[in-house]
Full PDB file with SEQRES, HELIX, SHEET, SSBOND, CRYST1, ORIGX, SCALE, CONECT and MASTER records, all heavy atoms in Angstrom:
SEQRES   1 A   39  VAL ARG GLN HIS THR VAL PRO ASP GLN ILE MET GLY PHE          
SEQRES   2 A   39  LEU ASN ARG HIS ARG GLN THR LEU ILE SER ILE MET PRO          
SEQRES   3 A   39  PRO GLY GLN PRO PHE GLY TRP PRO ARG ARG ASN GLY PHE          
HELIX    1 AA1 ARG A    2  HIS A    4  5                                   3    
SHEET    1 AA1 2 VAL A   6  PRO A   7  0                                        
SHEET    2 AA1 2 ASN A  37  GLY A  38 -1                                        
SHEET    1 AA2 2 MET A  11  LEU A  14  0                                        
SHEET    2 AA2 2 THR A  20  ILE A  24 -1                                        
CRYST1    1.000    1.000    1.000  90.00  90.00  90.00 P 1           1          
ORIGX1      1.000000  0.000000  0.000000        0.00000                         
ORIGX2      0.000000  1.000000  0.000000        0.00000                         
ORIGX3      0.000000  0.000000  1.000000        0.00000                         
SCALE1      1.000000  0.000000  0.000000        0.00000                         
SCALE2      0.000000  1.000000  0.000000        0.00000                         
SCALE3      0.000000  0.000000  1.000000        0.00000                         
ATOM      1  N   VAL A   1    -105.668 -74.391 -22.080  1.00  0.00           N  
ATOM      2  CA  VAL A   1    -104.837 -74.606 -23.249  1.00  0.00           C  
ATOM      3  C   VAL A   1    -105.133 -73.604 -24.348  1.00  0.00           C  
ATOM      4  O   VAL A   1    -104.224 -73.064 -24.974  1.00  0.00           O  
ATOM      5  CB  VAL A   1    -104.936 -76.079 -23.726  1.00  0.00           C  
ATOM      6  CG1 VAL A   1    -104.341 -76.228 -25.131  1.00  0.00           C  
ATOM      7  CG2 VAL A   1    -104.243 -77.050 -22.798  1.00  0.00           C  
ATOM      8  N   ARG A   2    -106.427 -73.405 -24.601  1.00  0.00           N  
ATOM      9  CA  ARG A   2    -106.824 -72.605 -25.714  1.00  0.00           C  
ATOM     10  C   ARG A   2    -106.393 -71.101 -25.579  1.00  0.00           C  
ATOM     11  O   ARG A   2    -106.382 -70.343 -26.536  1.00  0.00           O  
ATOM     12  CB  ARG A   2    -108.337 -72.694 -25.951  1.00  0.00           C  
ATOM     13  CG  ARG A   2    -108.812 -74.026 -26.478  1.00  0.00           C  
ATOM     14  CD  ARG A   2    -110.169 -74.024 -26.994  1.00  0.00           C  
ATOM     15  NE  ARG A   2    -110.229 -73.329 -28.289  1.00  0.00           N  
ATOM     16  CZ  ARG A   2    -111.226 -72.528 -28.694  1.00  0.00           C  
ATOM     17  NH1 ARG A   2    -112.311 -72.338 -27.876  1.00  0.00           N  
ATOM     18  NH2 ARG A   2    -111.245 -71.970 -29.872  1.00  0.00           N  
ATOM     19  N   GLN A   3    -106.061 -70.713 -24.358  1.00  0.00           N  
ATOM     20  CA  GLN A   3    -105.563 -69.381 -24.147  1.00  0.00           C  
ATOM     21  C   GLN A   3    -104.232 -69.211 -24.847  1.00  0.00           C  
ATOM     22  O   GLN A   3    -103.794 -68.023 -25.086  1.00  0.00           O  
ATOM     23  CB  GLN A   3    -105.361 -69.087 -22.657  1.00  0.00           C  
ATOM     24  CG  GLN A   3    -106.689 -69.071 -21.875  1.00  0.00           C  
ATOM     25  CD  GLN A   3    -106.486 -68.924 -20.373  1.00  0.00           C  
ATOM     26  OE1 GLN A   3    -105.405 -68.569 -19.927  1.00  0.00           O  
ATOM     27  NE2 GLN A   3    -107.482 -69.217 -19.599  1.00  0.00           N  
ATOM     28  N   HIS A   4    -103.549 -70.268 -25.219  1.00  0.00           N  
ATOM     29  CA  HIS A   4    -102.236 -70.204 -25.890  1.00  0.00           C  
ATOM     30  C   HIS A   4    -102.328 -70.713 -27.329  1.00  0.00           C  
ATOM     31  O   HIS A   4    -101.394 -71.269 -27.861  1.00  0.00           O  
ATOM     32  CB  HIS A   4    -101.245 -70.978 -25.074  1.00  0.00           C  
ATOM     33  CG  HIS A   4    -101.189 -70.620 -23.658  1.00  0.00           C  
ATOM     34  ND1 HIS A   4    -100.819 -69.371 -23.235  1.00  0.00           N  
ATOM     35  CD2 HIS A   4    -101.451 -71.326 -22.520  1.00  0.00           C  
ATOM     36  CE1 HIS A   4    -100.860 -69.299 -21.919  1.00  0.00           C  
ATOM     37  NE2 HIS A   4    -101.223 -70.482 -21.458  1.00  0.00           N  
ATOM     38  N   THR A   5    -103.502 -70.526 -27.966  1.00  0.00           N  
ATOM     39  CA  THR A   5    -103.681 -71.006 -29.365  1.00  0.00           C  
ATOM     40  C   THR A   5    -104.172 -69.887 -30.273  1.00  0.00           C  
ATOM     41  O   THR A   5    -104.734 -68.891 -29.826  1.00  0.00           O  
ATOM     42  CB  THR A   5    -104.655 -72.121 -29.403  1.00  0.00           C  
ATOM     43  OG1 THR A   5    -105.988 -71.687 -29.107  1.00  0.00           O  
ATOM     44  CG2 THR A   5    -104.278 -73.263 -28.475  1.00  0.00           C  
ATOM     45  N   VAL A   6    -104.014 -70.075 -31.558  1.00  0.00           N  
ATOM     46  CA  VAL A   6    -104.610 -69.276 -32.589  1.00  0.00           C  
ATOM     47  C   VAL A   6    -105.591 -70.178 -33.356  1.00  0.00           C  
ATOM     48  O   VAL A   6    -105.120 -71.027 -34.184  1.00  0.00           O  
ATOM     49  CB  VAL A   6    -103.564 -68.731 -33.598  1.00  0.00           C  
ATOM     50  CG1 VAL A   6    -104.282 -67.900 -34.704  1.00  0.00           C  
ATOM     51  CG2 VAL A   6    -102.570 -67.835 -32.867  1.00  0.00           C  
ATOM     52  N   PRO A   7    -106.877 -70.124 -33.105  1.00  0.00           N  
ATOM     53  CA  PRO A   7    -107.861 -71.102 -33.712  1.00  0.00           C  
ATOM     54  C   PRO A   7    -108.092 -70.797 -35.188  1.00  0.00           C  
ATOM     55  O   PRO A   7    -107.889 -69.722 -35.707  1.00  0.00           O  
ATOM     56  CB  PRO A   7    -109.119 -70.847 -32.892  1.00  0.00           C  
ATOM     57  CG  PRO A   7    -109.017 -69.501 -32.398  1.00  0.00           C  
ATOM     58  CD  PRO A   7    -107.568 -69.202 -32.176  1.00  0.00           C  
ATOM     59  N   ASP A   8    -108.529 -71.892 -35.890  1.00  0.00           N  
ATOM     60  CA  ASP A   8    -108.939 -71.790 -37.283  1.00  0.00           C  
ATOM     61  C   ASP A   8    -107.798 -71.209 -38.150  1.00  0.00           C  
ATOM     62  O   ASP A   8    -108.050 -70.387 -39.054  1.00  0.00           O  
ATOM     63  CB  ASP A   8    -110.199 -70.988 -37.458  1.00  0.00           C  
ATOM     64  CG  ASP A   8    -111.391 -71.631 -36.778  1.00  0.00           C  
ATOM     65  OD1 ASP A   8    -111.622 -72.848 -37.096  1.00  0.00           O  
ATOM     66  OD2 ASP A   8    -112.074 -71.025 -35.964  1.00  0.00           O  
ATOM     67  N   GLN A   9    -106.577 -71.642 -37.954  1.00  0.00           N  
ATOM     68  CA  GLN A   9    -105.451 -71.104 -38.636  1.00  0.00           C  
ATOM     69  C   GLN A   9    -105.378 -71.678 -40.099  1.00  0.00           C  
ATOM     70  O   GLN A   9    -105.434 -72.872 -40.264  1.00  0.00           O  
ATOM     71  CB  GLN A   9    -104.146 -71.382 -37.892  1.00  0.00           C  
ATOM     72  CG  GLN A   9    -102.978 -70.518 -38.339  1.00  0.00           C  
ATOM     73  CD  GLN A   9    -101.841 -70.554 -37.363  1.00  0.00           C  
ATOM     74  OE1 GLN A   9    -101.338 -71.668 -37.037  1.00  0.00           O  
ATOM     75  NE2 GLN A   9    -101.438 -69.396 -36.876  1.00  0.00           N  
ATOM     76  N   ILE A  10    -105.271 -70.804 -41.069  1.00  0.00           N  
ATOM     77  CA  ILE A  10    -105.196 -71.204 -42.470  1.00  0.00           C  
ATOM     78  C   ILE A  10    -103.720 -71.350 -42.808  1.00  0.00           C  
ATOM     79  O   ILE A  10    -102.884 -70.611 -42.437  1.00  0.00           O  
ATOM     80  CB  ILE A  10    -105.804 -70.106 -43.312  1.00  0.00           C  
ATOM     81  CG1 ILE A  10    -107.274 -69.936 -43.054  1.00  0.00           C  
ATOM     82  CG2 ILE A  10    -105.667 -70.462 -44.845  1.00  0.00           C  
ATOM     83  CD1 ILE A  10    -107.944 -68.746 -43.679  1.00  0.00           C  
ATOM     84  N   MET A  11    -103.478 -72.449 -43.593  1.00  0.00           N  
ATOM     85  CA  MET A  11    -102.098 -72.650 -44.091  1.00  0.00           C  
ATOM     86  C   MET A  11    -102.097 -72.344 -45.578  1.00  0.00           C  
ATOM     87  O   MET A  11    -102.789 -72.998 -46.359  1.00  0.00           O  
ATOM     88  CB  MET A  11    -101.607 -74.089 -43.817  1.00  0.00           C  
ATOM     89  CG  MET A  11    -100.277 -74.406 -44.518  1.00  0.00           C  
ATOM     90  SD  MET A  11     -99.739 -76.131 -44.272  1.00  0.00           S  
ATOM     91  CE  MET A  11     -99.141 -76.021 -42.594  1.00  0.00           C  
ATOM     92  N   GLY A  12    -101.331 -71.347 -46.019  1.00  0.00           N  
ATOM     93  CA  GLY A  12    -101.244 -70.929 -47.413  1.00  0.00           C  
ATOM     94  C   GLY A  12     -99.957 -71.326 -48.033  1.00  0.00           C  
ATOM     95  O   GLY A  12     -98.861 -71.228 -47.373  1.00  0.00           O  
ATOM     96  N   PHE A  13     -99.961 -71.832 -49.231  1.00  0.00           N  
ATOM     97  CA  PHE A  13     -98.776 -72.172 -50.031  1.00  0.00           C  
ATOM     98  C   PHE A  13     -98.630 -71.072 -51.070  1.00  0.00           C  
ATOM     99  O   PHE A  13     -99.509 -70.923 -51.936  1.00  0.00           O  
ATOM    100  CB  PHE A  13     -98.899 -73.520 -50.671  1.00  0.00           C  
ATOM    101  CG  PHE A  13     -98.912 -74.684 -49.712  1.00  0.00           C  
ATOM    102  CD1 PHE A  13    -100.089 -75.093 -49.074  1.00  0.00           C  
ATOM    103  CD2 PHE A  13     -97.752 -75.334 -49.383  1.00  0.00           C  
ATOM    104  CE1 PHE A  13    -100.095 -76.131 -48.187  1.00  0.00           C  
ATOM    105  CE2 PHE A  13     -97.699 -76.395 -48.456  1.00  0.00           C  
ATOM    106  CZ  PHE A  13     -98.878 -76.766 -47.885  1.00  0.00           C  
ATOM    107  N   LEU A  14     -97.591 -70.267 -50.937  1.00  0.00           N  
ATOM    108  CA  LEU A  14     -97.373 -69.091 -51.769  1.00  0.00           C  
ATOM    109  C   LEU A  14     -96.231 -69.313 -52.754  1.00  0.00           C  
ATOM    110  O   LEU A  14     -95.228 -69.966 -52.390  1.00  0.00           O  
ATOM    111  CB  LEU A  14     -97.032 -67.849 -50.885  1.00  0.00           C  
ATOM    112  CG  LEU A  14     -98.215 -67.176 -50.177  1.00  0.00           C  
ATOM    113  CD1 LEU A  14     -99.068 -68.085 -49.332  1.00  0.00           C  
ATOM    114  CD2 LEU A  14     -97.670 -65.978 -49.336  1.00  0.00           C  
ATOM    115  N   ASN A  15     -96.356 -68.718 -53.937  1.00  0.00           N  
ATOM    116  CA  ASN A  15     -95.270 -68.812 -54.874  1.00  0.00           C  
ATOM    117  C   ASN A  15     -94.221 -67.733 -54.566  1.00  0.00           C  
ATOM    118  O   ASN A  15     -94.353 -66.980 -53.528  1.00  0.00           O  
ATOM    119  CB  ASN A  15     -95.708 -68.719 -56.340  1.00  0.00           C  
ATOM    120  CG  ASN A  15     -96.375 -67.352 -56.635  1.00  0.00           C  
ATOM    121  OD1 ASN A  15     -96.198 -66.364 -55.932  1.00  0.00           O  
ATOM    122  ND2 ASN A  15     -97.072 -67.333 -57.747  1.00  0.00           N  
ATOM    123  N   ARG A  16     -93.161 -67.629 -55.409  1.00  0.00           N  
ATOM    124  CA  ARG A  16     -92.093 -66.661 -55.086  1.00  0.00           C  
ATOM    125  C   ARG A  16     -92.514 -65.202 -55.125  1.00  0.00           C  
ATOM    126  O   ARG A  16     -91.826 -64.365 -54.569  1.00  0.00           O  
ATOM    127  CB  ARG A  16     -90.928 -66.904 -56.064  1.00  0.00           C  
ATOM    128  CG  ARG A  16     -91.224 -66.635 -57.506  1.00  0.00           C  
ATOM    129  CD  ARG A  16     -90.021 -66.929 -58.375  1.00  0.00           C  
ATOM    130  NE  ARG A  16     -90.253 -66.647 -59.811  1.00  0.00           N  
ATOM    131  CZ  ARG A  16     -90.845 -67.482 -60.612  1.00  0.00           C  
ATOM    132  NH1 ARG A  16     -91.234 -68.622 -60.225  1.00  0.00           N  
ATOM    133  NH2 ARG A  16     -90.974 -67.160 -61.903  1.00  0.00           N  
ATOM    134  N   HIS A  17     -93.667 -64.960 -55.754  1.00  0.00           N  
ATOM    135  CA  HIS A  17     -94.226 -63.596 -55.746  1.00  0.00           C  
ATOM    136  C   HIS A  17     -95.201 -63.364 -54.614  1.00  0.00           C  
ATOM    137  O   HIS A  17     -95.913 -62.358 -54.546  1.00  0.00           O  
ATOM    138  CB  HIS A  17     -94.912 -63.307 -57.065  1.00  0.00           C  
ATOM    139  CG  HIS A  17     -94.031 -63.561 -58.284  1.00  0.00           C  
ATOM    140  ND1 HIS A  17     -92.898 -62.790 -58.478  1.00  0.00           N  
ATOM    141  CD2 HIS A  17     -94.112 -64.442 -59.252  1.00  0.00           C  
ATOM    142  CE1 HIS A  17     -92.313 -63.206 -59.600  1.00  0.00           C  
ATOM    143  NE2 HIS A  17     -93.074 -64.200 -60.095  1.00  0.00           N  
ATOM    144  N   ARG A  18     -95.303 -64.363 -53.690  1.00  0.00           N  
ATOM    145  CA  ARG A  18     -96.201 -64.330 -52.542  1.00  0.00           C  
ATOM    146  C   ARG A  18     -97.688 -64.380 -52.999  1.00  0.00           C  
ATOM    147  O   ARG A  18     -98.529 -63.844 -52.281  1.00  0.00           O  
ATOM    148  CB  ARG A  18     -95.905 -63.175 -51.591  1.00  0.00           C  
ATOM    149  CG  ARG A  18     -94.578 -63.283 -50.872  1.00  0.00           C  
ATOM    150  CD  ARG A  18     -94.408 -62.230 -49.794  1.00  0.00           C  
ATOM    151  NE  ARG A  18     -95.397 -62.388 -48.761  1.00  0.00           N  
ATOM    152  CZ  ARG A  18     -95.243 -63.152 -47.680  1.00  0.00           C  
ATOM    153  NH1 ARG A  18     -94.103 -63.872 -47.500  1.00  0.00           N  
ATOM    154  NH2 ARG A  18     -96.206 -63.199 -46.750  1.00  0.00           N  
ATOM    155  N   GLN A  19     -97.918 -64.978 -54.142  1.00  0.00           N  
ATOM    156  CA  GLN A  19     -99.284 -65.173 -54.550  1.00  0.00           C  
ATOM    157  C   GLN A  19     -99.723 -66.586 -54.102  1.00  0.00           C  
ATOM    158  O   GLN A  19     -98.946 -67.559 -54.169  1.00  0.00           O  
ATOM    159  CB  GLN A  19     -99.384 -65.109 -56.065  1.00  0.00           C  
ATOM    160  CG  GLN A  19     -99.024 -63.762 -56.654  1.00  0.00           C  
ATOM    161  CD  GLN A  19     -98.825 -63.797 -58.139  1.00  0.00           C  
ATOM    162  OE1 GLN A  19     -98.329 -64.795 -58.741  1.00  0.00           O  
ATOM    163  NE2 GLN A  19     -99.209 -62.665 -58.804  1.00  0.00           N  
ATOM    164  N   THR A  20    -100.955 -66.702 -53.613  1.00  0.00           N  
ATOM    165  CA  THR A  20    -101.420 -67.968 -53.034  1.00  0.00           C  
ATOM    166  C   THR A  20    -101.692 -68.989 -54.112  1.00  0.00           C  
ATOM    167  O   THR A  20    -102.533 -68.771 -55.036  1.00  0.00           O  
ATOM    168  CB  THR A  20    -102.692 -67.723 -52.153  1.00  0.00           C  
ATOM    169  OG1 THR A  20    -102.407 -66.777 -51.131  1.00  0.00           O  
ATOM    170  CG2 THR A  20    -103.181 -69.033 -51.552  1.00  0.00           C  
ATOM    171  N   LEU A  21    -101.070 -70.142 -53.982  1.00  0.00           N  
ATOM    172  CA  LEU A  21    -101.326 -71.244 -54.882  1.00  0.00           C  
ATOM    173  C   LEU A  21    -102.521 -72.100 -54.398  1.00  0.00           C  
ATOM    174  O   LEU A  21    -103.399 -72.475 -55.141  1.00  0.00           O  
ATOM    175  CB  LEU A  21    -100.077 -72.124 -55.023  1.00  0.00           C  
ATOM    176  CG  LEU A  21     -98.838 -71.518 -55.620  1.00  0.00           C  
ATOM    177  CD1 LEU A  21     -97.682 -72.458 -55.464  1.00  0.00           C  
ATOM    178  CD2 LEU A  21     -99.106 -71.163 -57.105  1.00  0.00           C  
ATOM    179  N   ILE A  22    -102.530 -72.338 -53.113  1.00  0.00           N  
ATOM    180  CA  ILE A  22    -103.579 -73.161 -52.463  1.00  0.00           C  
ATOM    181  C   ILE A  22    -103.603 -72.835 -50.977  1.00  0.00           C  
ATOM    182  O   ILE A  22    -102.554 -72.507 -50.398  1.00  0.00           O  
ATOM    183  CB  ILE A  22    -103.359 -74.673 -52.695  1.00  0.00           C  
ATOM    184  CG1 ILE A  22    -104.544 -75.547 -52.253  1.00  0.00           C  
ATOM    185  CG2 ILE A  22    -102.099 -75.128 -51.991  1.00  0.00           C  
ATOM    186  CD1 ILE A  22    -105.696 -75.448 -53.193  1.00  0.00           C  
ATOM    187  N   SER A  23    -104.745 -72.902 -50.348  1.00  0.00           N  
ATOM    188  CA  SER A  23    -104.878 -72.691 -48.935  1.00  0.00           C  
ATOM    189  C   SER A  23    -105.563 -73.865 -48.269  1.00  0.00           C  
ATOM    190  O   SER A  23    -106.538 -74.409 -48.809  1.00  0.00           O  
ATOM    191  CB  SER A  23    -105.661 -71.434 -48.622  1.00  0.00           C  
ATOM    192  OG  SER A  23    -104.950 -70.255 -48.995  1.00  0.00           O  
ATOM    193  N   ILE A  24    -105.071 -74.295 -47.113  1.00  0.00           N  
ATOM    194  CA  ILE A  24    -105.678 -75.363 -46.338  1.00  0.00           C  
ATOM    195  C   ILE A  24    -106.482 -74.700 -45.239  1.00  0.00           C  
ATOM    196  O   ILE A  24    -105.953 -74.055 -44.313  1.00  0.00           O  
ATOM    197  CB  ILE A  24    -104.658 -76.266 -45.751  1.00  0.00           C  
ATOM    198  CG1 ILE A  24    -103.868 -76.998 -46.860  1.00  0.00           C  
ATOM    199  CG2 ILE A  24    -105.313 -77.307 -44.815  1.00  0.00           C  
ATOM    200  CD1 ILE A  24    -102.768 -77.910 -46.394  1.00  0.00           C  
ATOM    201  N   MET A  25    -107.821 -74.834 -45.327  1.00  0.00           N  
ATOM    202  CA  MET A  25    -108.743 -74.223 -44.340  1.00  0.00           C  
ATOM    203  C   MET A  25    -109.946 -75.104 -44.211  1.00  0.00           C  
ATOM    204  O   MET A  25    -110.955 -74.816 -44.742  1.00  0.00           O  
ATOM    205  CB  MET A  25    -109.110 -72.796 -44.751  1.00  0.00           C  
ATOM    206  CG  MET A  25    -109.438 -72.572 -46.151  1.00  0.00           C  
ATOM    207  SD  MET A  25    -109.761 -70.828 -46.531  1.00  0.00           S  
ATOM    208  CE  MET A  25    -109.999 -70.841 -48.251  1.00  0.00           C  
ATOM    209  N   PRO A  26    -109.813 -76.232 -43.492  1.00  0.00           N  
ATOM    210  CA  PRO A  26    -110.875 -77.222 -43.356  1.00  0.00           C  
ATOM    211  C   PRO A  26    -112.093 -76.610 -42.674  1.00  0.00           C  
ATOM    212  O   PRO A  26    -112.015 -75.932 -41.669  1.00  0.00           O  
ATOM    213  CB  PRO A  26    -110.244 -78.336 -42.485  1.00  0.00           C  
ATOM    214  CG  PRO A  26    -109.108 -77.623 -41.768  1.00  0.00           C  
ATOM    215  CD  PRO A  26    -108.617 -76.600 -42.685  1.00  0.00           C  
ATOM    216  N   PRO A  27    -113.274 -76.898 -43.240  1.00  0.00           N  
ATOM    217  CA  PRO A  27    -114.503 -76.351 -42.651  1.00  0.00           C  
ATOM    218  C   PRO A  27    -115.065 -77.176 -41.553  1.00  0.00           C  
ATOM    219  O   PRO A  27    -114.714 -78.348 -41.350  1.00  0.00           O  
ATOM    220  CB  PRO A  27    -115.481 -76.380 -43.878  1.00  0.00           C  
ATOM    221  CG  PRO A  27    -115.052 -77.607 -44.635  1.00  0.00           C  
ATOM    222  CD  PRO A  27    -113.549 -77.681 -44.487  1.00  0.00           C  
ATOM    223  N   GLY A  28    -115.910 -76.548 -40.738  1.00  0.00           N  
ATOM    224  CA  GLY A  28    -116.654 -77.257 -39.711  1.00  0.00           C  
ATOM    225  C   GLY A  28    -115.822 -77.669 -38.498  1.00  0.00           C  
ATOM    226  O   GLY A  28    -114.601 -77.485 -38.496  1.00  0.00           O  
ATOM    227  N   GLN A  29    -116.491 -78.161 -37.468  1.00  0.00           N  
ATOM    228  CA  GLN A  29    -115.878 -78.611 -36.260  1.00  0.00           C  
ATOM    229  C   GLN A  29    -116.510 -79.931 -35.884  1.00  0.00           C  
ATOM    230  O   GLN A  29    -117.203 -80.036 -34.838  1.00  0.00           O  
ATOM    231  CB  GLN A  29    -116.014 -77.601 -35.137  1.00  0.00           C  
ATOM    232  CG  GLN A  29    -115.313 -76.254 -35.368  1.00  0.00           C  
ATOM    233  CD  GLN A  29    -115.358 -75.275 -34.197  1.00  0.00           C  
ATOM    234  OE1 GLN A  29    -115.854 -75.653 -33.125  1.00  0.00           O  
ATOM    235  NE2 GLN A  29    -114.940 -74.085 -34.433  1.00  0.00           N  
ATOM    236  N   PRO A  30    -116.278 -80.971 -36.644  1.00  0.00           N  
ATOM    237  CA  PRO A  30    -116.946 -82.260 -36.383  1.00  0.00           C  
ATOM    238  C   PRO A  30    -116.634 -82.826 -35.010  1.00  0.00           C  
ATOM    239  O   PRO A  30    -117.468 -83.602 -34.384  1.00  0.00           O  
ATOM    240  CB  PRO A  30    -116.446 -83.189 -37.473  1.00  0.00           C  
ATOM    241  CG  PRO A  30    -115.170 -82.583 -37.979  1.00  0.00           C  
ATOM    242  CD  PRO A  30    -115.308 -81.080 -37.766  1.00  0.00           C  
ATOM    243  N   PHE A  31    -115.486 -82.593 -34.430  1.00  0.00           N  
ATOM    244  CA  PHE A  31    -115.132 -83.132 -33.121  1.00  0.00           C  
ATOM    245  C   PHE A  31    -115.234 -82.065 -32.029  1.00  0.00           C  
ATOM    246  O   PHE A  31    -114.745 -82.231 -30.912  1.00  0.00           O  
ATOM    247  CB  PHE A  31    -113.707 -83.698 -33.136  1.00  0.00           C  
ATOM    248  CG  PHE A  31    -113.538 -84.822 -34.080  1.00  0.00           C  
ATOM    249  CD1 PHE A  31    -112.416 -85.003 -34.804  1.00  0.00           C  
ATOM    250  CD2 PHE A  31    -114.582 -85.721 -34.328  1.00  0.00           C  
ATOM    251  CE1 PHE A  31    -112.252 -86.042 -35.704  1.00  0.00           C  
ATOM    252  CE2 PHE A  31    -114.437 -86.774 -35.226  1.00  0.00           C  
ATOM    253  CZ  PHE A  31    -113.319 -86.929 -35.937  1.00  0.00           C  
ATOM    254  N   GLY A  32    -115.907 -80.947 -32.338  1.00  0.00           N  
ATOM    255  CA  GLY A  32    -116.249 -79.958 -31.325  1.00  0.00           C  
ATOM    256  C   GLY A  32    -115.277 -78.807 -31.183  1.00  0.00           C  
ATOM    257  O   GLY A  32    -115.503 -77.870 -30.377  1.00  0.00           O  
ATOM    258  N   TRP A  33    -114.189 -78.829 -31.943  1.00  0.00           N  
ATOM    259  CA  TRP A  33    -113.112 -77.809 -31.847  1.00  0.00           C  
ATOM    260  C   TRP A  33    -112.606 -77.456 -33.182  1.00  0.00           C  
ATOM    261  O   TRP A  33    -112.714 -78.201 -34.153  1.00  0.00           O  
ATOM    262  CB  TRP A  33    -111.990 -78.325 -30.957  1.00  0.00           C  
ATOM    263  CG  TRP A  33    -112.482 -78.707 -29.559  1.00  0.00           C  
ATOM    264  CD1 TRP A  33    -112.718 -79.964 -29.114  1.00  0.00           C  
ATOM    265  CD2 TRP A  33    -112.827 -77.810 -28.481  1.00  0.00           C  
ATOM    266  NE1 TRP A  33    -113.224 -79.932 -27.872  1.00  0.00           N  
ATOM    267  CE2 TRP A  33    -113.244 -78.645 -27.427  1.00  0.00           C  
ATOM    268  CE3 TRP A  33    -112.800 -76.401 -28.339  1.00  0.00           C  
ATOM    269  CZ2 TRP A  33    -113.672 -78.069 -26.201  1.00  0.00           C  
ATOM    270  CZ3 TRP A  33    -113.164 -75.901 -27.135  1.00  0.00           C  
ATOM    271  CH2 TRP A  33    -113.611 -76.677 -26.097  1.00  0.00           C  
ATOM    272  N   PRO A  34    -111.945 -76.261 -33.337  1.00  0.00           N  
ATOM    273  CA  PRO A  34    -111.314 -75.893 -34.594  1.00  0.00           C  
ATOM    274  C   PRO A  34    -110.319 -76.961 -35.068  1.00  0.00           C  
ATOM    275  O   PRO A  34    -109.571 -77.527 -34.245  1.00  0.00           O  
ATOM    276  CB  PRO A  34    -110.596 -74.587 -34.262  1.00  0.00           C  
ATOM    277  CG  PRO A  34    -111.369 -74.009 -33.111  1.00  0.00           C  
ATOM    278  CD  PRO A  34    -111.832 -75.187 -32.300  1.00  0.00           C  
ATOM    279  N   ARG A  35    -110.213 -77.186 -36.332  1.00  0.00           N  
ATOM    280  CA  ARG A  35    -109.440 -78.320 -36.855  1.00  0.00           C  
ATOM    281  C   ARG A  35    -107.938 -77.990 -36.917  1.00  0.00           C  
ATOM    282  O   ARG A  35    -107.105 -78.883 -36.964  1.00  0.00           O  
ATOM    283  CB  ARG A  35    -109.987 -78.804 -38.184  1.00  0.00           C  
ATOM    284  CG  ARG A  35    -111.387 -79.398 -38.040  1.00  0.00           C  
ATOM    285  CD  ARG A  35    -111.925 -79.839 -39.346  1.00  0.00           C  
ATOM    286  NE  ARG A  35    -111.184 -80.933 -39.950  1.00  0.00           N  
ATOM    287  CZ  ARG A  35    -111.396 -81.387 -41.173  1.00  0.00           C  
ATOM    288  NH1 ARG A  35    -112.325 -80.863 -41.913  1.00  0.00           N  
ATOM    289  NH2 ARG A  35    -110.626 -82.359 -41.640  1.00  0.00           N  
ATOM    290  N   ARG A  36    -107.630 -76.701 -37.090  1.00  0.00           N  
ATOM    291  CA  ARG A  36    -106.206 -76.287 -37.162  1.00  0.00           C  
ATOM    292  C   ARG A  36    -106.029 -75.136 -36.179  1.00  0.00           C  
ATOM    293  O   ARG A  36    -106.732 -74.143 -36.225  1.00  0.00           O  
ATOM    294  CB  ARG A  36    -105.830 -75.785 -38.583  1.00  0.00           C  
ATOM    295  CG  ARG A  36    -105.740 -76.933 -39.593  1.00  0.00           C  
ATOM    296  CD  ARG A  36    -105.241 -76.409 -40.948  1.00  0.00           C  
ATOM    297  NE  ARG A  36    -104.004 -75.571 -40.768  1.00  0.00           N  
ATOM    298  CZ  ARG A  36    -102.798 -76.085 -40.685  1.00  0.00           C  
ATOM    299  NH1 ARG A  36    -102.581 -77.378 -40.837  1.00  0.00           N  
ATOM    300  NH2 ARG A  36    -101.752 -75.306 -40.526  1.00  0.00           N  
ATOM    301  N   ASN A  37    -104.983 -75.258 -35.351  1.00  0.00           N  
ATOM    302  CA  ASN A  37    -104.704 -74.222 -34.320  1.00  0.00           C  
ATOM    303  C   ASN A  37    -103.218 -74.013 -34.190  1.00  0.00           C  
ATOM    304  O   ASN A  37    -102.480 -74.998 -34.011  1.00  0.00           O  
ATOM    305  CB  ASN A  37    -105.279 -74.679 -32.950  1.00  0.00           C  
ATOM    306  CG  ASN A  37    -106.756 -74.981 -33.011  1.00  0.00           C  
ATOM    307  OD1 ASN A  37    -107.599 -74.220 -32.758  1.00  0.00           O  
ATOM    308  ND2 ASN A  37    -107.036 -76.283 -33.338  1.00  0.00           N  
ATOM    309  N   GLY A  38    -102.785 -72.806 -34.301  1.00  0.00           N  
ATOM    310  CA  GLY A  38    -101.424 -72.521 -33.937  1.00  0.00           C  
ATOM    311  C   GLY A  38    -101.297 -72.479 -32.395  1.00  0.00           C  
ATOM    312  O   GLY A  38    -102.278 -72.127 -31.715  1.00  0.00           O  
ATOM    313  N   PHE A  39    -100.134 -72.790 -31.847  1.00  0.00           N  
ATOM    314  CA  PHE A  39     -99.990 -72.745 -30.376  1.00  0.00           C  
ATOM    315  C   PHE A  39     -98.521 -72.645 -30.021  1.00  0.00           C  
ATOM    316  O   PHE A  39     -97.635 -72.887 -30.873  1.00  0.00           O  
ATOM    317  CB  PHE A  39    -100.646 -73.972 -29.734  1.00  0.00           C  
ATOM    318  CG  PHE A  39     -99.820 -75.250 -29.835  1.00  0.00           C  
ATOM    319  CD1 PHE A  39     -99.232 -75.761 -28.689  1.00  0.00           C  
ATOM    320  CD2 PHE A  39     -99.600 -75.943 -31.008  1.00  0.00           C  
ATOM    321  CE1 PHE A  39     -98.468 -76.927 -28.713  1.00  0.00           C  
ATOM    322  CE2 PHE A  39     -98.878 -77.083 -31.109  1.00  0.00           C  
ATOM    323  CZ  PHE A  39     -98.287 -77.594 -29.942  1.00  0.00           C  
TER     324      PHE A  39                                                      
MASTER        0    0    0    1    4    0    0    6  323    1    0    3          
END                                                                             
């Protein structure tokens, strides 16, 4: 499955000038795997 993923993916909320307001990037791997993955 992980062959079809992008691990540790950050989600950024950008304003109209594409400046970052906030980014979601949770630290650690408490359950053994990256917490956010694109797929």
